[in-house]
Amino acid sequence: YFIALLAILFTFSLAAQSDPASTTKKAAKWVTLNDPAVQIDFPADWTLDQSGMMGTKFIIFSPNDSQADAFKENVNLQVTDLGAPGVISLDQFAGAAEDQIRKFITDARVIRKQKLPKDGSGDSGYEIEFTGKQGELTLHWRQQYRIRGRYAYIITFTAHTAAYQQYSALADQILGTFQIQ
């Protein structure tokens, strides 16, 4: 489990180069990623990357706020094979993830942790919101965990701390559409 949880840490932040072509954070249109395993909706002006970068199933990058903006807020999903169903409870997984956050994120500060209501498929979830530093960046994360069968699904919204509030409602909308198929 340690290796799986350690892999979570590598998905906490994803820095990207500026994209001068981007113009807005508010997208009028949304698109759906309908994968055999998961489904999620996101603004059409965000960029989907399914290359598997850093062990993710996908990363959805926001447009840059300006040409000087060197960090793209993002939502990413990591799926971890636990080996067999029932080997770890959701509460145990979330507790171990919180331990890893405190161990590997510089100046980690857990803001909130809570169980999530069951989603449409009946899966319970757990969410941890925290801040900290990764390299020179001060970031704000909201990470949700769900376990179905032998897999743990870790979906993470990451924002530069200064931009978190302006992206928070949009992050709620995106994360709210996430479904395990």
Protein backbone atom coordinates (compact mmCIF):
# COMPACT_ATOMS: atom_id res chain seq x y z
CA TYR A 1 0.00 0.00 0.00
CA PHE A 2 2.91 2.30 0.70
CA ILE A 3 3.96 2.25 -2.95
CA ALA A 4 0.40 2.98 -4.10
CA LEU A 5 0.08 5.86 -1.67
CA LEU A 6 3.51 7.16 -2.60
CA ALA A 7 2.39 7.18 -6.23
CA ILE A 8 -0.48 9.45 -5.20
CA LEU A 9 2.03 12.07 -4.17
CA PHE A 10 3.49 12.21 -7.65
CA THR A 11 0.12 13.28 -9.03
CA PHE A 12 -0.38 16.14 -6.58
CA SER A 13 0.86 18.84 -8.88
CA LEU A 14 1.48 19.20 -12.54
CA ALA A 15 3.25 22.28 -13.78
CA ALA A 16 2.90 23.24 -17.42
CA GLN A 17 4.23 25.90 -19.77
CA SER A 18 2.24 29.00 -20.61
CA ASP A 19 -0.32 28.77 -23.38
CA PRO A 20 -0.82 32.19 -24.97
CA ALA A 21 -3.80 30.96 -26.99
CA SER A 22 -5.99 30.48 -23.93
CA THR A 23 -8.36 33.31 -23.17
CA THR A 24 -10.90 32.37 -20.53
CA LYS A 25 -11.59 30.21 -17.49
CA LYS A 26 -15.34 30.09 -18.00
CA ALA A 27 -16.38 27.71 -20.71
CA ALA A 28 -19.85 27.89 -22.16
CA LYS A 29 -19.58 24.32 -23.40
CA TRP A 30 -18.66 21.18 -21.55
CA VAL A 31 -17.37 17.88 -22.90
CA THR A 32 -17.54 14.39 -21.47
CA LEU A 33 -14.74 11.89 -21.12
CA ASN A 34 -16.58 8.59 -21.33
CA ASP A 35 -13.96 5.95 -20.63
CA PRO A 36 -14.90 2.28 -20.07
CA ALA A 37 -13.88 2.67 -16.40
CA VAL A 38 -14.87 6.26 -15.56
CA GLN A 39 -16.80 9.27 -16.77
CA ILE A 40 -16.22 12.97 -16.08
CA ASP A 41 -17.41 16.27 -17.57
CA PHE A 42 -15.18 19.31 -17.93
CA PRO A 43 -15.14 22.70 -19.67
CA ALA A 44 -14.44 22.50 -23.40
CA ASP A 45 -11.59 25.01 -23.11
CA TRP A 46 -9.67 22.72 -20.73
CA THR A 47 -7.17 20.27 -22.24
CA LEU A 48 -7.44 16.50 -21.76
CA ASP A 49 -4.24 14.44 -21.52
CA GLN A 50 -4.63 10.66 -21.45
CA SER A 51 -0.94 9.86 -22.01
CA GLY A 52 -0.58 8.27 -18.58
CA MET A 53 1.84 10.98 -17.43
CA MET A 54 2.97 10.38 -13.85
CA GLY A 55 0.83 7.25 -13.54
CA THR A 56 -2.48 9.02 -14.16
CA LYS A 57 -5.46 7.74 -16.09
CA PHE A 58 -6.07 11.30 -17.25
CA ILE A 59 -5.17 14.91 -16.49
CA ILE A 60 -7.45 17.79 -17.42
CA PHE A 61 -5.58 21.12 -17.56
CA SER A 62 -7.14 24.55 -17.28
CA PRO A 63 -6.18 27.28 -19.71
CA ASN A 64 -3.53 29.65 -18.39
CA ASP A 65 -4.83 32.84 -16.75
CA SER A 66 -2.28 34.92 -18.68
CA GLN A 67 0.93 34.56 -20.63
CA ALA A 68 2.83 34.98 -17.37
CA ASP A 69 0.90 32.11 -15.73
CA ALA A 70 3.28 29.14 -15.57
CA PHE A 71 0.92 26.76 -13.70
CA LYS A 72 -2.22 25.21 -15.08
CA GLU A 73 -4.80 24.22 -12.51
CA ASN A 74 -5.80 20.63 -13.14
CA VAL A 75 -7.89 17.62 -12.29
CA ASN A 76 -6.27 14.22 -12.49
CA LEU A 77 -7.21 10.63 -11.79
CA GLN A 78 -5.03 7.83 -10.56
CA VAL A 79 -6.38 4.29 -10.27
CA THR A 80 -4.54 1.99 -7.89
CA ASP A 81 -4.91 -1.78 -7.93
CA LEU A 82 -5.19 -2.90 -4.31
CA GLY A 83 -4.70 -6.56 -5.24
CA ALA A 84 -8.07 -7.85 -4.07
CA PRO A 85 -11.42 -6.48 -2.91
CA GLY A 86 -11.78 -5.69 0.77
CA VAL A 87 -8.07 -5.57 1.67
CA ILE A 88 -8.39 -2.02 2.98
CA SER A 89 -11.37 0.07 4.02
CA LEU A 90 -12.04 3.55 2.69
CA ASP A 91 -11.30 5.03 6.13
CA GLN A 92 -7.98 3.16 6.34
CA PHE A 93 -7.03 4.27 2.83
CA ALA A 94 -7.86 7.90 3.58
CA GLY A 95 -5.92 7.75 6.85
CA ALA A 96 -2.87 6.33 5.09
CA ALA A 97 -3.16 8.98 2.36
CA GLU A 98 -3.28 11.73 5.00
CA ASP A 99 -0.14 10.29 6.62
CA GLN A 100 1.61 10.40 3.24
CA ILE A 101 0.48 13.99 2.65
CA ARG A 102 1.95 15.08 5.97
CA LYS A 103 5.16 13.15 5.29
CA PHE A 104 5.87 14.21 1.70
CA ILE A 105 4.30 17.66 1.21
CA THR A 106 6.40 20.48 2.66
CA ASP A 107 4.45 22.57 5.19
CA ALA A 108 1.38 20.37 4.66
CA ARG A 109 -1.73 21.71 6.34
CA VAL A 110 -4.94 19.68 6.23
CA ILE A 111 -7.83 22.11 5.99
CA ARG A 112 -10.71 19.69 5.89
CA LYS A 113 -11.39 15.98 5.75
CA GLN A 114 -14.78 14.38 5.46
CA LYS A 115 -16.71 11.41 4.25
CA LEU A 116 -18.65 12.05 1.07
CA PRO A 117 -22.22 10.93 0.51
CA LYS A 118 -22.77 7.92 -1.71
CA ASP A 119 -22.73 8.72 -5.40
CA GLY A 120 -25.25 7.53 -7.98
CA SER A 121 -23.64 4.09 -8.13
CA GLY A 122 -23.74 3.67 -4.35
CA ASP A 123 -20.01 4.21 -3.74
CA SER A 124 -18.98 6.11 -0.63
CA GLY A 125 -16.11 8.53 -0.81
CA TYR A 126 -13.69 10.48 1.31
CA GLU A 127 -12.24 13.94 0.67
CA ILE A 128 -9.17 15.68 2.05
CA GLU A 129 -8.41 19.33 1.30
CA PHE A 130 -4.90 20.54 2.06
CA THR A 131 -2.21 23.06 1.21
CA GLY A 132 1.55 22.89 1.09
CA LYS A 133 4.62 23.47 -0.98
CA GLN A 134 5.95 21.36 -3.78
CA GLY A 135 9.25 22.70 -4.98
CA GLU A 136 8.84 26.45 -5.29
CA LEU A 137 5.08 26.27 -5.74
CA THR A 138 2.57 26.82 -2.95
CA LEU A 139 -0.41 24.68 -3.91
CA HIS A 140 -3.92 23.87 -2.72
CA TRP A 141 -5.32 20.38 -3.28
CA ARG A 142 -8.70 18.76 -2.98
CA GLN A 143 -8.41 14.99 -3.21
CA GLN A 144 -11.23 12.45 -3.25
CA TYR A 145 -10.93 8.71 -2.72
CA ARG A 146 -13.35 5.98 -3.72
CA ILE A 147 -12.83 2.23 -3.56
CA ARG A 148 -14.69 -0.16 -5.81
CA GLY A 149 -13.74 -3.81 -5.88
CA ARG A 150 -9.98 -4.13 -5.97
CA TYR A 151 -9.34 -0.56 -7.16
CA ALA A 152 -8.88 2.76 -5.39
CA TYR A 153 -9.81 5.83 -7.44
CA ILE A 154 -7.97 9.00 -6.43
CA ILE A 155 -9.25 12.14 -8.15
CA THR A 156 -7.39 15.35 -7.38
CA PHE A 157 -7.97 19.01 -8.10
CA THR A 158 -4.75 21.05 -7.83
CA ALA A 159 -4.51 24.84 -7.93
CA HIS A 160 -1.93 27.45 -7.19
CA THR A 161 -2.92 28.78 -3.76
CA ALA A 162 -3.52 32.29 -5.13
CA ALA A 163 -5.97 30.93 -7.73
CA TYR A 164 -7.79 28.35 -5.60
CA GLN A 165 -10.82 30.48 -4.69
CA GLN A 166 -11.53 31.54 -8.25
CA TYR A 167 -11.43 27.89 -9.41
CA SER A 168 -13.18 26.34 -6.41
CA ALA A 169 -16.77 26.43 -7.74
CA LEU A 170 -15.66 25.10 -11.13
CA ALA A 171 -13.69 22.33 -9.38
CA ASP A 172 -16.88 21.44 -7.46
CA GLN A 173 -18.74 21.12 -10.75
CA ILE A 174 -16.06 18.99 -12.42
CA LEU A 175 -15.53 16.69 -9.44
CA GLY A 176 -19.29 16.40 -9.03
CA THR A 177 -19.59 14.79 -12.46
CA PHE A 178 -16.99 12.08 -11.78
CA GLN A 179 -18.44 8.57 -11.96
CA ILE A 180 -16.93 5.12 -11.84
CA GLN A 181 -18.54 3.03 -14.58
